[in-house]
C-alpha atoms as a PDB file:
ATOM      1  CA  UNK A   1     104.350  91.934 234.843  1.00  0.00           C
ATOM      2  CA  UNK A   2     101.356  89.662 235.265  1.00  0.00           C
ATOM      3  CA  UNK A   3      99.170  89.784 232.153  1.00  0.00           C
ATOM      4  CA  UNK A   4      96.030  90.580 234.171  1.00  0.00           C
ATOM      5  CA  UNK A   5      97.789  93.517 235.820  1.00  0.00           C
ATOM      6  CA  UNK A   6      98.929  94.785 232.412  1.00  0.00           C
ATOM      7  CA  UNK A   7      95.323  94.669 231.205  1.00  0.00           C
ATOM      8  CA  UNK A   8      94.160  96.526 234.304  1.00  0.00           C
ATOM      9  CA  UNK A   9      96.875  99.162 234.043  1.00  0.00           C
ATOM     10  CA  UNK A  10      96.629  99.835 230.303  1.00  0.00           C
ATOM     11  CA  UNK A  11      95.296 103.256 229.399  1.00  0.00           C
ATOM     12  CA  UNK A  12      94.933 105.269 226.224  1.00  0.00           C
ATOM     13  CA  UNK A  13      97.732 107.796 226.617  1.00  0.00           C
ATOM     14  CA  UNK A  14      97.333 111.180 224.939  1.00  0.00           C
ATOM     15  CA  UNK A  15     100.194 113.047 226.618  1.00  0.00           C
ATOM     16  CA  UNK A  16     103.794 111.906 226.209  1.00  0.00           C
ATOM     17  CA  UNK A  17     107.150 112.927 227.631  1.00  0.00           C
ATOM     18  CA  UNK A  18     109.867 113.966 225.187  1.00  0.00           C
ATOM     19  CA  UNK A  19     112.152 111.215 226.509  1.00  0.00           C
ATOM     20  CA  UNK A  20     113.172 108.926 223.632  1.00  0.00           C
ATOM     21  CA  UNK A  21     112.293 105.239 223.577  1.00  0.00           C
ATOM     22  CA  UNK A  22     115.358 102.999 223.447  1.00  0.00           C
ATOM     23  CA  UNK A  23     115.729 100.813 220.380  1.00  0.00           C
ATOM     24  CA  UNK A  24     115.769  97.648 222.477  1.00  0.00           C
ATOM     25  CA  UNK A  25     112.362  98.541 223.913  1.00  0.00           C
ATOM     26  CA  UNK A  26     110.959  99.138 220.450  1.00  0.00           C
ATOM     27  CA  UNK A  27     112.246  95.728 219.438  1.00  0.00           C
ATOM     28  CA  UNK A  28     110.476  94.205 222.453  1.00  0.00           C
ATOM     29  CA  UNK A  29     107.214  95.708 221.216  1.00  0.00           C
ATOM     30  CA  UNK A  30     107.742  94.402 217.705  1.00  0.00           C
ATOM     31  CA  UNK A  31     108.521  90.973 219.129  1.00  0.00           C
ATOM     32  CA  UNK A  32     105.229  91.088 221.024  1.00  0.00           C
ATOM     33  CA  UNK A  33     103.445  91.796 217.747  1.00  0.00           C
ATOM     34  CA  UNK A  34     105.344  89.011 215.999  1.00  0.00           C
ATOM     35  CA  UNK A  35     104.074  86.505 218.557  1.00  0.00           C
ATOM     36  CA  UNK A  36     100.411  87.414 218.033  1.00  0.00           C
ATOM     37  CA  UNK A  37      97.994  84.797 216.652  1.00  0.00           C
ATOM     38  CA  UNK A  38      96.425  85.192 213.233  1.00  0.00           C
ATOM     39  CA  UNK A  39      93.910  83.357 211.100  1.00  0.00           C
ATOM     40  CA  UNK A  40      95.585  80.677 208.968  1.00  0.00           C
ATOM     41  CA  UNK A  41      98.869  81.948 210.461  1.00  0.00           C
ATOM     42  CA  UNK A  42      98.968  84.659 207.788  1.00  0.00           C
ATOM     43  CA  UNK A  43     100.686  87.178 210.117  1.00  0.00           C
ATOM     44  CA  UNK A  44      99.641  90.098 207.895  1.00  0.00           C
ATOM     45  CA  UNK A  45     100.799  92.877 210.214  1.00  0.00           C
ATOM     46  CA  UNK A  46     103.318  95.330 208.819  1.00  0.00           C
ATOM     47  CA  UNK A  47     104.534  98.432 210.639  1.00  0.00           C
ATOM     48  CA  UNK A  48     105.873 101.743 209.459  1.00  0.00           C
ATOM     49  CA  UNK A  49     107.990 103.182 212.268  1.00  0.00           C
ATOM     50  CA  UNK A  50     107.874 106.972 212.131  1.00  0.00           C
ATOM     51  CA  UNK A  51     110.394 108.906 214.223  1.00  0.00           C
ATOM     52  CA  UNK A  52     110.995 111.923 211.999  1.00  0.00           C
ATOM     53  CA  UNK A  53     109.181 114.887 213.514  1.00  0.00           C
ATOM     54  CA  UNK A  54     107.977 116.562 210.340  1.00  0.00           C
ATOM     55  CA  UNK A  55     106.583 113.267 209.067  1.00  0.00           C
ATOM     56  CA  UNK A  56     104.741 112.672 212.341  1.00  0.00           C
ATOM     57  CA  UNK A  57     103.257 116.153 212.012  1.00  0.00           C
ATOM     58  CA  UNK A  58     102.094 115.477 208.457  1.00  0.00           C
ATOM     59  CA  UNK A  59     100.409 112.277 209.609  1.00  0.00           C
ATOM     60  CA  UNK A  60      98.894 114.161 212.533  1.00  0.00           C
ATOM     61  CA  UNK A  61      97.396 116.682 210.126  1.00  0.00           C
ATOM     62  CA  UNK A  62      95.795 113.789 208.222  1.00  0.00           C
ATOM     63  CA  UNK A  63      94.433 112.411 211.500  1.00  0.00           C
ATOM     64  CA  UNK A  64      92.312 115.427 212.452  1.00  0.00           C
ATOM     65  CA  UNK A  65      95.275 117.117 214.132  1.00  0.00           C
ATOM     66  CA  UNK A  66      95.390 114.895 217.214  1.00  0.00           C
ATOM     67  CA  UNK A  67      98.459 116.525 218.694  1.00  0.00           C
ATOM     68  CA  UNK A  68      99.712 113.591 220.736  1.00  0.00           C
ATOM     69  CA  UNK A  69     100.485 111.747 217.503  1.00  0.00           C
ATOM     70  CA  UNK A  70     103.485 113.985 216.868  1.00  0.00           C
ATOM     71  CA  UNK A  71     104.251 114.439 220.564  1.00  0.00           C
ATOM     72  CA  UNK A  72     105.110 110.764 221.074  1.00  0.00           C
ATOM     73  CA  UNK A  73     108.708 109.833 220.190  1.00  0.00           C
ATOM     74  CA  UNK A  74     107.516 106.959 217.995  1.00  0.00           C
ATOM     75  CA  UNK A  75     104.439 106.670 215.824  1.00  0.00           C
ATOM     76  CA  UNK A  76     103.559 103.264 214.445  1.00  0.00           C
ATOM     77  CA  UNK A  77     101.451 103.116 211.313  1.00  0.00           C
ATOM     78  CA  UNK A  78      99.948  99.646 211.576  1.00  0.00           C
ATOM     79  CA  UNK A  79      99.063  98.054 208.254  1.00  0.00           C
ATOM     80  CA  UNK A  80      97.492  94.885 206.904  1.00  0.00           C
ATOM     81  CA  UNK A  81      99.423  93.281 204.058  1.00  0.00           C
ATOM     82  CA  UNK A  82      96.936  91.826 201.571  1.00  0.00           C
ATOM     83  CA  UNK A  83      99.702  90.384 199.430  1.00  0.00           C
ATOM     84  CA  UNK A  84     100.268  87.572 201.915  1.00  0.00           C
ATOM     85  CA  UNK A  85      96.780  86.254 201.089  1.00  0.00           C
ATOM     86  CA  UNK A  86      97.641  86.310 197.401  1.00  0.00           C
ATOM     87  CA  UNK A  87     101.018  84.606 197.624  1.00  0.00           C
ATOM     88  CA  UNK A  88     101.622  82.884 200.960  1.00  0.00           C
ATOM     89  CA  UNK A  89      98.469  80.974 201.893  1.00  0.00           C
ATOM     90  CA  UNK A  90      99.786  77.532 200.939  1.00  0.00           C
ATOM     91  CA  UNK A  91     103.119  78.241 202.641  1.00  0.00           C
ATOM     92  CA  UNK A  92     101.448  79.400 205.856  1.00  0.00           C
ATOM     93  CA  UNK A  93      99.117  76.390 205.879  1.00  0.00           C
ATOM     94  CA  UNK A  94     102.003  74.002 205.235  1.00  0.00           C
ATOM     95  CA  UNK A  95     103.791  75.511 208.231  1.00  0.00           C
ATOM     96  CA  UNK A  96     100.720  74.708 210.336  1.00  0.00           C
ATOM     97  CA  UNK A  97     100.718  71.137 209.031  1.00  0.00           C
ATOM     98  CA  UNK A  98     104.421  70.804 209.816  1.00  0.00           C
ATOM     99  CA  UNK A  99     103.798  72.161 213.332  1.00  0.00           C
ATOM    100  CA  UNK A 100     101.040  69.597 213.896  1.00  0.00           C
ATOM    101  CA  UNK A 101      98.255  72.197 214.085  1.00  0.00           C
ATOM    102  CA  UNK A 102      96.605  71.156 210.814  1.00  0.00           C
ATOM    103  CA  UNK A 103      96.245  67.780 209.178  1.00  0.00           C
ATOM    104  CA  UNK A 104      97.371  67.292 205.604  1.00  0.00           C
ATOM    105  CA  UNK A 105      93.749  66.491 204.767  1.00  0.00           C
ATOM    106  CA  UNK A 106      92.714  69.915 206.012  1.00  0.00           C
ATOM    107  CA  UNK A 107      95.331  71.435 203.756  1.00  0.00           C
ATOM    108  CA  UNK A 108      93.962  69.585 200.735  1.00  0.00           C
ATOM    109  CA  UNK A 109      90.406  70.688 201.493  1.00  0.00           C
ATOM    110  CA  UNK A 110      91.212  74.357 202.009  1.00  0.00           C
ATOM    111  CA  UNK A 111      89.143  76.361 199.480  1.00  0.00           C
ATOM    112  CA  UNK A 112      90.861  78.104 196.584  1.00  0.00           C
ATOM    113  CA  UNK A 113      94.281  77.720 198.138  1.00  0.00           C
ATOM    114  CA  UNK A 114      96.122  78.289 194.866  1.00  0.00           C
ATOM    115  CA  UNK A 115      93.409  80.091 192.944  1.00  0.00           C
ATOM    116  CA  UNK A 116      94.047  83.475 191.362  1.00  0.00           C
ATOM    117  CA  UNK A 117      93.375  86.434 193.623  1.00  0.00           C
ATOM    118  CA  UNK A 118      92.862  89.671 191.739  1.00  0.00           C
ATOM    119  CA  UNK A 119      92.538  93.072 193.393  1.00  0.00           C
ATOM    120  CA  UNK A 120      88.793  92.723 193.955  1.00  0.00           C
ATOM    121  CA  UNK A 121      89.199  89.284 195.518  1.00  0.00           C
ATOM    122  CA  UNK A 122      91.896  90.564 197.849  1.00  0.00           C
ATOM    123  CA  UNK A 123      89.628  93.370 199.038  1.00  0.00           C
ATOM    124  CA  UNK A 124      87.443  90.664 200.535  1.00  0.00           C
ATOM    125  CA  UNK A 125      90.289  89.803 202.891  1.00  0.00           C
ATOM    126  CA  UNK A 126      90.504  93.332 204.333  1.00  0.00           C
ATOM    127  CA  UNK A 127      88.249  92.786 207.395  1.00  0.00           C
ATOM    128  CA  UNK A 128      90.031  89.519 208.222  1.00  0.00           C
ATOM    129  CA  UNK A 129      93.476  91.064 207.787  1.00  0.00           C
ATOM    130  CA  UNK A 130      92.656  94.180 209.799  1.00  0.00           C
ATOM    131  CA  UNK A 131      91.273  92.069 212.643  1.00  0.00           C
ATOM    132  CA  UNK A 132      94.574  90.193 212.813  1.00  0.00           C
ATOM    133  CA  UNK A 133      96.533  93.456 212.844  1.00  0.00           C
ATOM    134  CA  UNK A 134      94.359  94.658 215.736  1.00  0.00           C
ATOM    135  CA  UNK A 135      95.355  91.560 217.724  1.00  0.00           C
ATOM    136  CA  UNK A 136      99.023  92.365 217.145  1.00  0.00           C
ATOM    137  CA  UNK A 137      98.390  95.971 218.213  1.00  0.00           C
ATOM    138  CA  UNK A 138      96.872  94.757 221.488  1.00  0.00           C
ATOM    139  CA  UNK A 139      99.979  92.629 222.078  1.00  0.00           C
ATOM    140  CA  UNK A 140     102.052  95.787 221.628  1.00  0.00           C
ATOM    141  CA  UNK A 141      99.813  97.765 223.981  1.00  0.00           C
ATOM    142  CA  UNK A 142     100.070  95.218 226.785  1.00  0.00           C
ATOM    143  CA  UNK A 143     103.813  94.712 226.391  1.00  0.00           C
ATOM    144  CA  UNK A 144     104.240  98.485 226.445  1.00  0.00           C
ATOM    145  CA  UNK A 145     102.545  98.654 229.847  1.00  0.00           C
ATOM    146  CA  UNK A 146     104.989  96.081 231.211  1.00  0.00           C
ATOM    147  CA  UNK A 147     107.895  98.238 229.961  1.00  0.00           C
ATOM    148  CA  UNK A 148     106.562 101.449 231.475  1.00  0.00           C
ATOM    149  CA  UNK A 149     105.462 102.810 228.104  1.00  0.00           C
ATOM    150  CA  UNK A 150     102.142 104.192 226.934  1.00  0.00           C
ATOM    151  CA  UNK A 151     100.193 103.718 223.725  1.00  0.00           C
ATOM    152  CA  UNK A 152      96.882 104.681 222.196  1.00  0.00           C
ATOM    153  CA  UNK A 153      94.739 103.014 219.520  1.00  0.00           C
ATOM    154  CA  UNK A 154      93.879 105.618 216.886  1.00  0.00           C
ATOM    155  CA  UNK A 155      91.509 105.011 214.003  1.00  0.00           C
ATOM    156  CA  UNK A 156      90.238 108.561 213.552  1.00  0.00           C
ATOM    157  CA  UNK A 157      92.263 109.382 210.462  1.00  0.00           C
ATOM    158  CA  UNK A 158      92.213 109.800 206.714  1.00  0.00           C
ATOM    159  CA  UNK A 159      93.907 106.523 205.916  1.00  0.00           C
ATOM    160  CA  UNK A 160      94.202 107.118 202.179  1.00  0.00           C
ATOM    161  CA  UNK A 161      95.903 110.461 202.741  1.00  0.00           C
ATOM    162  CA  UNK A 162      98.367 108.926 205.205  1.00  0.00           C
ATOM    163  CA  UNK A 163      99.114 106.130 202.739  1.00  0.00           C
ATOM    164  CA  UNK A 164      99.948 108.786 200.147  1.00  0.00           C
ATOM    165  CA  UNK A 165     102.189 110.655 202.591  1.00  0.00           C
ATOM    166  CA  UNK A 166     104.123 107.443 203.311  1.00  0.00           C
ATOM    167  CA  UNK A 167     104.008 106.303 199.673  1.00  0.00           C
ATOM    168  CA  UNK A 168     102.587 102.933 200.675  1.00  0.00           C
ATOM    169  CA  UNK A 169     101.766 100.340 198.014  1.00  0.00           C
ATOM    170  CA  UNK A 170      98.116  99.457 197.479  1.00  0.00           C
ATOM    171  CA  UNK A 171      98.428  96.067 199.135  1.00  0.00           C
ATOM    172  CA  UNK A 172      99.163  97.708 202.513  1.00  0.00           C
ATOM    173  CA  UNK A 173      95.924  98.792 204.189  1.00  0.00           C
ATOM    174  CA  UNK A 174      96.301 101.069 207.212  1.00  0.00           C
ATOM    175  CA  UNK A 175      94.463  99.600 210.187  1.00  0.00           C
ATOM    176  CA  UNK A 176      95.397 102.109 212.874  1.00  0.00           C
ATOM    177  CA  UNK A 177      97.958 104.485 214.295  1.00  0.00           C
ATOM    178  CA  UNK A 178      99.741 103.816 217.580  1.00  0.00           C
ATOM    179  CA  UNK A 179     101.874 106.467 219.290  1.00  0.00           C
ATOM    180  CA  UNK A 180     104.466 105.045 221.696  1.00  0.00           C
ATOM    181  CA  UNK A 181     106.314 106.835 224.466  1.00  0.00           C
ATOM    182  CA  UNK A 182     106.595 107.456 228.181  1.00  0.00           C
ATOM    183  CA  UNK A 183     103.263 108.657 229.602  1.00  0.00           C
ATOM    184  CA  UNK A 184     103.041 112.225 230.831  1.00  0.00           C
ATOM    185  CA  UNK A 185      99.690 111.567 232.472  1.00  0.00           C
ATOM    186  CA  UNK A 186      98.101 108.947 234.707  1.00  0.00           C
ATOM    187  CA  UNK A 187      94.483 108.610 233.597  1.00  0.00           C
ATOM    188  CA  UNK A 188      91.937 106.974 235.849  1.00  0.00           C
ATOM    189  CA  UNK A 189      90.477 103.660 234.815  1.00  0.00           C
ATOM    190  CA  UNK A 190      87.718 104.081 232.256  1.00  0.00           C
ATOM    191  CA  UNK A 191      84.210 102.805 233.062  1.00  0.00           C
ATOM    192  CA  UNK A 192      83.499  99.282 231.875  1.00  0.00           C
ATOM    193  CA  UNK A 193      80.192  97.444 231.611  1.00  0.00           C
ATOM    194  CA  UNK A 194      79.681  94.389 233.788  1.00  0.00           C
ATOM    195  CA  UNK A 195      80.490  90.844 232.702  1.00  0.00           C
ATOM    196  CA  UNK A 196      76.763  90.123 232.807  1.00  0.00           C
ATOM    197  CA  UNK A 197      76.138  92.814 230.194  1.00  0.00           C
ATOM    198  CA  UNK A 198      78.663  91.433 227.711  1.00  0.00           C
ATOM    199  CA  UNK A 199      77.184  87.915 227.766  1.00  0.00           C
ATOM    200  CA  UNK A 200      74.328  87.946 225.294  1.00  0.00           C
ATOM    201  CA  UNK A 201      73.352  84.309 225.641  1.00  0.00           C
ATOM    202  CA  UNK A 202      74.542  81.077 227.237  1.00  0.00           C
ATOM    203  CA  UNK A 203      73.841  77.986 225.166  1.00  0.00           C
ATOM    204  CA  UNK A 204      74.163  74.772 227.183  1.00  0.00           C
END
């Protein structure tokens, strides 16, 4: 499917058929996420794949009982892994140097590349990490459209409670939930502002 068509056809799906999603299709979605860009190539996205019904229902209860979360055959809990910023920054940057994207001089000038990163320091990376996870989620959403699947971005949740339900370590920060399944609805396109409205200023 043409990428523009996928963007036009994507909808937030809140009704799903009970039909299961084949494993090979799930792997296609994960591959789409894997190919997403990320700052400093950190690739901090980590996914908890929830298929067990009672677990989906527990997560749903912690997400203000949005019923479609347990209706979808698959529920992705999309997380940002802060540990990669603590341990892998030099490795990720070296990979960029080896790929020709960075110069070795840029690597040498990167601030605090090997400096200690305690828990408070790592918290400063949360907005950056979550932004990168959101990019990977959009890759999943668009690939899902091309496979005939539906998704929905969900951030209305009690993230700490869901982390406790899943027994997640502290370095995994939940960015969003994403149900995946075959749509049982065909929503109309949502209103969008004009391109003129989204351009604040042109600097020439």
